[in-house]
Amino acid sequence: MKFRSLIRKLHGTLAPIVLLPLLMTVITGVAYRLSKDWLGLTRDQVHFLMTLHEGEYLGSTLEPFYVLLNGLGLLWMLVTGSIMAVQNFRRAWQRPAPPKSTSS
C-alpha cells in the first residue's frame, strides 16, 4: 500500500474515534474561560466544565489515560492532516496549468 493511501486510511479510521473527546475538550475549555472572563462566574460555578474538560468524571485511574490519549489523538490528526495537505499542495503545484484559449 502506498504511503499516501495508508496515511489517509489511518487518518480516516482514527478521526471518528477522537472527534467526540476533542470536541468536548475544546467546547468545555472555551466555555470555562468565557464564563469566567465575560460572564463573571466564579471558579466554583463553572467547575463542572473543568471536570468535563479534564476527564475527572472517569476517576483518578482513567483520567491520566484520557488526557494522554486525547493529546496523542490530537497530535496524530495534526500530523497526518498536515502530511495530506502538503501532498495535495505538491500535486496541485506540479500539475501543469490548462492551456488558455485564444478565441475572441
N, C-alpha and C. Protein backbone atom coordinates (compact mmCIF):
# COMPACT_ATOMS: atom_id res chain seq x y z
N MET A 1 0.84 -1.17 0.00
CA MET A 1 0.00 0.00 0.00
C MET A 1 0.89 1.24 0.00
N LYS A 2 0.53 2.20 -0.81
CA LYS A 2 1.31 3.43 -0.88
C LYS A 2 1.20 4.22 0.42
N PHE A 3 2.23 5.00 0.69
CA PHE A 3 2.28 5.80 1.91
C PHE A 3 1.08 6.75 1.99
N ARG A 4 0.76 7.39 0.87
CA ARG A 4 -0.34 8.35 0.84
C ARG A 4 -1.67 7.69 1.20
N SER A 5 -1.94 6.55 0.61
CA SER A 5 -3.21 5.88 0.90
C SER A 5 -3.24 5.31 2.31
N LEU A 6 -2.09 4.89 2.81
CA LEU A 6 -2.02 4.38 4.18
C LEU A 6 -2.32 5.50 5.18
N ILE A 7 -1.72 6.66 4.98
CA ILE A 7 -1.96 7.81 5.86
C ILE A 7 -3.43 8.20 5.83
N ARG A 8 -4.00 8.27 4.63
CA ARG A 8 -5.42 8.63 4.50
C ARG A 8 -6.31 7.63 5.21
N LYS A 9 -6.00 6.36 5.06
CA LYS A 9 -6.82 5.31 5.69
C LYS A 9 -6.72 5.40 7.21
N LEU A 10 -5.52 5.54 7.74
CA LEU A 10 -5.35 5.62 9.19
C LEU A 10 -5.97 6.90 9.76
N HIS A 11 -5.83 8.01 9.04
CA HIS A 11 -6.44 9.28 9.45
C HIS A 11 -7.97 9.14 9.49
N GLY A 12 -8.51 8.55 8.44
CA GLY A 12 -9.96 8.38 8.36
C GLY A 12 -10.51 7.40 9.39
N THR A 13 -9.70 6.41 9.76
CA THR A 13 -10.13 5.44 10.76
C THR A 13 -10.14 6.05 12.15
N LEU A 14 -9.12 6.84 12.46
CA LEU A 14 -9.00 7.39 13.80
C LEU A 14 -9.86 8.64 14.02
N ALA A 15 -10.18 9.36 12.96
CA ALA A 15 -10.92 10.62 13.09
C ALA A 15 -12.25 10.47 13.84
N PRO A 16 -13.09 9.51 13.53
CA PRO A 16 -14.35 9.41 14.27
C PRO A 16 -14.15 9.04 15.75
N ILE A 17 -13.06 8.37 16.05
CA ILE A 17 -12.80 7.95 17.43
C ILE A 17 -12.38 9.14 18.28
N VAL A 18 -11.56 10.02 17.76
CA VAL A 18 -11.05 11.15 18.54
C VAL A 18 -11.94 12.39 18.44
N LEU A 19 -12.92 12.38 17.56
CA LEU A 19 -13.75 13.56 17.36
C LEU A 19 -14.48 13.99 18.63
N LEU A 20 -15.22 13.10 19.25
CA LEU A 20 -16.03 13.47 20.40
C LEU A 20 -15.19 13.94 21.59
N PRO A 21 -14.14 13.21 21.99
CA PRO A 21 -13.33 13.71 23.11
C PRO A 21 -12.67 15.06 22.82
N LEU A 22 -12.15 15.25 21.61
CA LEU A 22 -11.52 16.52 21.29
C LEU A 22 -12.54 17.65 21.23
N LEU A 23 -13.70 17.37 20.67
CA LEU A 23 -14.75 18.38 20.60
C LEU A 23 -15.21 18.78 22.00
N MET A 24 -15.37 17.79 22.88
CA MET A 24 -15.78 18.08 24.25
C MET A 24 -14.70 18.90 24.97
N THR A 25 -13.44 18.58 24.75
CA THR A 25 -12.36 19.31 25.38
C THR A 25 -12.34 20.77 24.91
N VAL A 26 -12.50 20.98 23.63
CA VAL A 26 -12.49 22.35 23.09
C VAL A 26 -13.68 23.15 23.60
N ILE A 27 -14.86 22.57 23.51
CA ILE A 27 -16.07 23.30 23.90
C ILE A 27 -16.07 23.63 25.39
N THR A 28 -15.71 22.67 26.23
CA THR A 28 -15.72 22.94 27.67
C THR A 28 -14.60 23.90 28.07
N GLY A 29 -13.45 23.83 27.39
CA GLY A 29 -12.36 24.75 27.70
C GLY A 29 -12.72 26.19 27.35
N VAL A 30 -13.29 26.38 26.18
CA VAL A 30 -13.70 27.73 25.76
C VAL A 30 -14.84 28.24 26.63
N ALA A 31 -15.82 27.37 26.92
CA ALA A 31 -16.95 27.78 27.75
C ALA A 31 -16.48 28.15 29.16
N TYR A 32 -15.52 27.42 29.69
CA TYR A 32 -14.99 27.72 31.02
C TYR A 32 -14.35 29.11 31.03
N ARG A 33 -13.47 29.36 30.07
CA ARG A 33 -12.75 30.64 30.04
C ARG A 33 -13.71 31.80 29.81
N LEU A 34 -14.64 31.66 28.87
CA LEU A 34 -15.57 32.75 28.58
C LEU A 34 -16.55 32.98 29.74
N SER A 35 -16.95 31.91 30.41
CA SER A 35 -17.86 32.04 31.55
C SER A 35 -17.20 32.82 32.67
N LYS A 36 -15.92 32.57 32.89
CA LYS A 36 -15.21 33.29 33.95
C LYS A 36 -14.93 34.74 33.54
N ASP A 37 -14.43 34.93 32.33
CA ASP A 37 -13.99 36.26 31.91
C ASP A 37 -15.14 37.18 31.51
N TRP A 38 -16.03 36.71 30.68
CA TRP A 38 -17.08 37.56 30.15
C TRP A 38 -18.33 37.59 31.01
N LEU A 39 -18.67 36.43 31.58
CA LEU A 39 -19.90 36.38 32.37
C LEU A 39 -19.66 36.62 33.85
N GLY A 40 -18.39 36.64 34.26
CA GLY A 40 -18.06 36.94 35.65
C GLY A 40 -18.39 35.84 36.64
N LEU A 41 -18.50 34.60 36.17
CA LEU A 41 -18.80 33.50 37.08
C LEU A 41 -17.54 33.11 37.85
N THR A 42 -17.73 32.54 39.02
CA THR A 42 -16.60 32.12 39.85
C THR A 42 -16.13 30.72 39.43
N ARG A 43 -14.96 30.35 39.94
CA ARG A 43 -14.42 29.02 39.64
C ARG A 43 -15.37 27.92 40.12
N ASP A 44 -15.98 28.14 41.27
CA ASP A 44 -16.90 27.14 41.80
C ASP A 44 -18.14 26.97 40.93
N GLN A 45 -18.59 28.06 40.33
CA GLN A 45 -19.78 27.99 39.48
C GLN A 45 -19.53 27.25 38.17
N VAL A 46 -18.30 27.27 37.67
CA VAL A 46 -18.00 26.63 36.39
C VAL A 46 -17.08 25.43 36.54
N HIS A 47 -16.95 24.94 37.77
CA HIS A 47 -16.06 23.78 38.00
C HIS A 47 -16.52 22.55 37.21
N PHE A 48 -17.84 22.41 37.02
CA PHE A 48 -18.33 21.26 36.26
C PHE A 48 -17.75 21.22 34.85
N LEU A 49 -17.51 22.40 34.26
CA LEU A 49 -16.91 22.45 32.93
C LEU A 49 -15.47 21.94 32.96
N MET A 50 -14.73 22.29 33.99
CA MET A 50 -13.36 21.82 34.11
C MET A 50 -13.33 20.31 34.39
N THR A 51 -14.33 19.82 35.12
CA THR A 51 -14.43 18.38 35.37
C THR A 51 -14.60 17.63 34.05
N LEU A 52 -15.45 18.14 33.18
CA LEU A 52 -15.63 17.53 31.86
C LEU A 52 -14.39 17.71 31.00
N HIS A 53 -13.80 18.89 31.05
CA HIS A 53 -12.64 19.23 30.23
C HIS A 53 -11.46 18.30 30.51
N GLU A 54 -11.22 18.02 31.76
CA GLU A 54 -10.05 17.22 32.16
C GLU A 54 -10.34 15.74 32.28
N GLY A 55 -11.60 15.34 32.14
CA GLY A 55 -11.94 13.93 32.24
C GLY A 55 -11.97 13.42 33.67
N GLU A 56 -12.18 14.30 34.64
CA GLU A 56 -12.21 13.89 36.05
C GLU A 56 -13.34 12.90 36.34
N TYR A 57 -14.40 12.95 35.55
CA TYR A 57 -15.54 12.07 35.75
C TYR A 57 -15.17 10.61 35.56
N LEU A 58 -14.02 10.33 34.94
CA LEU A 58 -13.58 8.96 34.72
C LEU A 58 -12.90 8.35 35.95
N GLY A 59 -12.60 9.18 36.93
CA GLY A 59 -11.93 8.71 38.13
C GLY A 59 -10.43 8.90 38.03
N SER A 60 -9.77 8.76 39.17
CA SER A 60 -8.33 9.03 39.23
C SER A 60 -7.50 8.01 38.46
N THR A 61 -8.04 6.83 38.20
CA THR A 61 -7.29 5.81 37.46
C THR A 61 -7.31 6.07 35.96
N LEU A 62 -8.46 6.41 35.42
CA LEU A 62 -8.59 6.56 33.97
C LEU A 62 -8.31 7.98 33.47
N GLU A 63 -8.37 8.96 34.35
CA GLU A 63 -8.17 10.35 33.91
C GLU A 63 -6.84 10.58 33.20
N PRO A 64 -5.71 10.08 33.73
CA PRO A 64 -4.44 10.30 33.01
C PRO A 64 -4.42 9.66 31.62
N PHE A 65 -5.08 8.52 31.46
CA PHE A 65 -5.13 7.87 30.16
C PHE A 65 -5.98 8.68 29.18
N TYR A 66 -7.08 9.25 29.69
CA TYR A 66 -7.93 10.09 28.86
C TYR A 66 -7.14 11.29 28.34
N VAL A 67 -6.41 11.95 29.24
CA VAL A 67 -5.63 13.12 28.86
C VAL A 67 -4.54 12.73 27.86
N LEU A 68 -3.85 11.62 28.14
CA LEU A 68 -2.78 11.16 27.25
C LEU A 68 -3.32 10.80 25.87
N LEU A 69 -4.39 10.01 25.83
CA LEU A 69 -4.94 9.59 24.54
C LEU A 69 -5.55 10.77 23.78
N ASN A 70 -6.13 11.71 24.51
CA ASN A 70 -6.67 12.91 23.86
C ASN A 70 -5.55 13.71 23.21
N GLY A 71 -4.45 13.88 23.91
CA GLY A 71 -3.30 14.60 23.36
C GLY A 71 -2.67 13.88 22.19
N LEU A 72 -2.48 12.57 22.33
CA LEU A 72 -1.90 11.79 21.23
C LEU A 72 -2.81 11.78 20.01
N GLY A 73 -4.12 11.70 20.25
CA GLY A 73 -5.07 11.74 19.14
C GLY A 73 -5.01 13.06 18.40
N LEU A 74 -4.91 14.15 19.15
CA LEU A 74 -4.80 15.47 18.52
C LEU A 74 -3.52 15.57 17.71
N LEU A 75 -2.40 15.14 18.28
CA LEU A 75 -1.13 15.18 17.54
C LEU A 75 -1.19 14.33 16.28
N TRP A 76 -1.77 13.14 16.39
CA TRP A 76 -1.89 12.25 15.23
C TRP A 76 -2.70 12.92 14.12
N MET A 77 -3.83 13.52 14.47
CA MET A 77 -4.67 14.15 13.46
C MET A 77 -3.96 15.36 12.83
N LEU A 78 -3.22 16.10 13.64
CA LEU A 78 -2.47 17.24 13.09
C LEU A 78 -1.37 16.79 12.14
N VAL A 79 -0.62 15.78 12.55
CA VAL A 79 0.49 15.31 11.71
C VAL A 79 -0.02 14.69 10.42
N THR A 80 -0.97 13.77 10.52
CA THR A 80 -1.46 13.11 9.31
C THR A 80 -2.22 14.09 8.41
N GLY A 81 -2.98 15.00 9.01
CA GLY A 81 -3.67 16.02 8.22
C GLY A 81 -2.70 16.93 7.50
N SER A 82 -1.61 17.30 8.19
CA SER A 82 -0.59 18.13 7.55
C SER A 82 0.10 17.41 6.41
N ILE A 83 0.39 16.14 6.62
CA ILE A 83 1.03 15.34 5.55
C ILE A 83 0.12 15.30 4.32
N MET A 84 -1.17 15.06 4.54
CA MET A 84 -2.10 15.00 3.41
C MET A 84 -2.23 16.36 2.72
N ALA A 85 -2.23 17.45 3.50
CA ALA A 85 -2.33 18.78 2.91
C ALA A 85 -1.10 19.11 2.07
N VAL A 86 0.08 18.77 2.59
CA VAL A 86 1.32 19.02 1.84
C VAL A 86 1.32 18.21 0.55
N GLN A 87 0.88 16.96 0.61
CA GLN A 87 0.82 16.13 -0.60
C GLN A 87 -0.14 16.74 -1.62
N ASN A 88 -1.27 17.24 -1.17
CA ASN A 88 -2.22 17.86 -2.10
C ASN A 88 -1.64 19.13 -2.72
N PHE A 89 -0.96 19.95 -1.91
CA PHE A 89 -0.35 21.17 -2.45
C PHE A 89 0.73 20.84 -3.47
N ARG A 90 1.54 19.83 -3.16
CA ARG A 90 2.59 19.42 -4.11
C ARG A 90 1.99 18.94 -5.42
N ARG A 91 0.95 18.13 -5.32
CA ARG A 91 0.32 17.60 -6.52
C ARG A 91 -0.28 18.73 -7.34
N ALA A 92 -0.92 19.69 -6.69
CA ALA A 92 -1.52 20.82 -7.41
C ALA A 92 -0.43 21.71 -8.00
N TRP A 93 0.68 21.86 -7.31
CA TRP A 93 1.78 22.71 -7.80
C TRP A 93 2.45 22.09 -9.02
N GLN A 94 2.57 20.77 -9.05
CA GLN A 94 3.24 20.08 -10.14
C GLN A 94 2.36 19.91 -11.36
N ARG A 95 1.06 20.04 -11.18
CA ARG A 95 0.12 19.88 -12.28
C ARG A 95 0.25 21.08 -13.21
N PRO A 96 0.43 20.85 -14.49
CA PRO A 96 0.56 21.98 -15.43
C PRO A 96 -0.75 22.74 -15.53
N ALA A 97 -0.64 24.03 -15.76
CA ALA A 97 -1.81 24.88 -15.92
C ALA A 97 -2.51 24.54 -17.23
N PRO A 98 -3.84 24.59 -17.25
CA PRO A 98 -4.55 24.29 -18.50
C PRO A 98 -4.24 25.38 -19.53
N PRO A 99 -4.17 25.00 -20.81
CA PRO A 99 -3.88 25.98 -21.85
C PRO A 99 -4.98 27.03 -21.96
N LYS A 100 -4.56 28.26 -22.21
CA LYS A 100 -5.53 29.34 -22.34
C LYS A 100 -6.09 29.33 -23.76
N SER A 101 -7.39 29.56 -23.86
CA SER A 101 -7.99 29.61 -25.20
C SER A 101 -7.73 30.98 -25.82
N THR A 102 -7.48 30.98 -27.11
CA THR A 102 -7.17 32.24 -27.81
C THR A 102 -8.34 32.72 -28.66
N SER A 103 -9.52 32.15 -28.46
CA SER A 103 -10.66 32.59 -29.25
C SER A 103 -11.17 33.93 -28.73
N SER A 104 -11.56 34.78 -29.68
CA SER A 104 -12.05 36.12 -29.32
C SER A 104 -13.46 36.31 -29.78
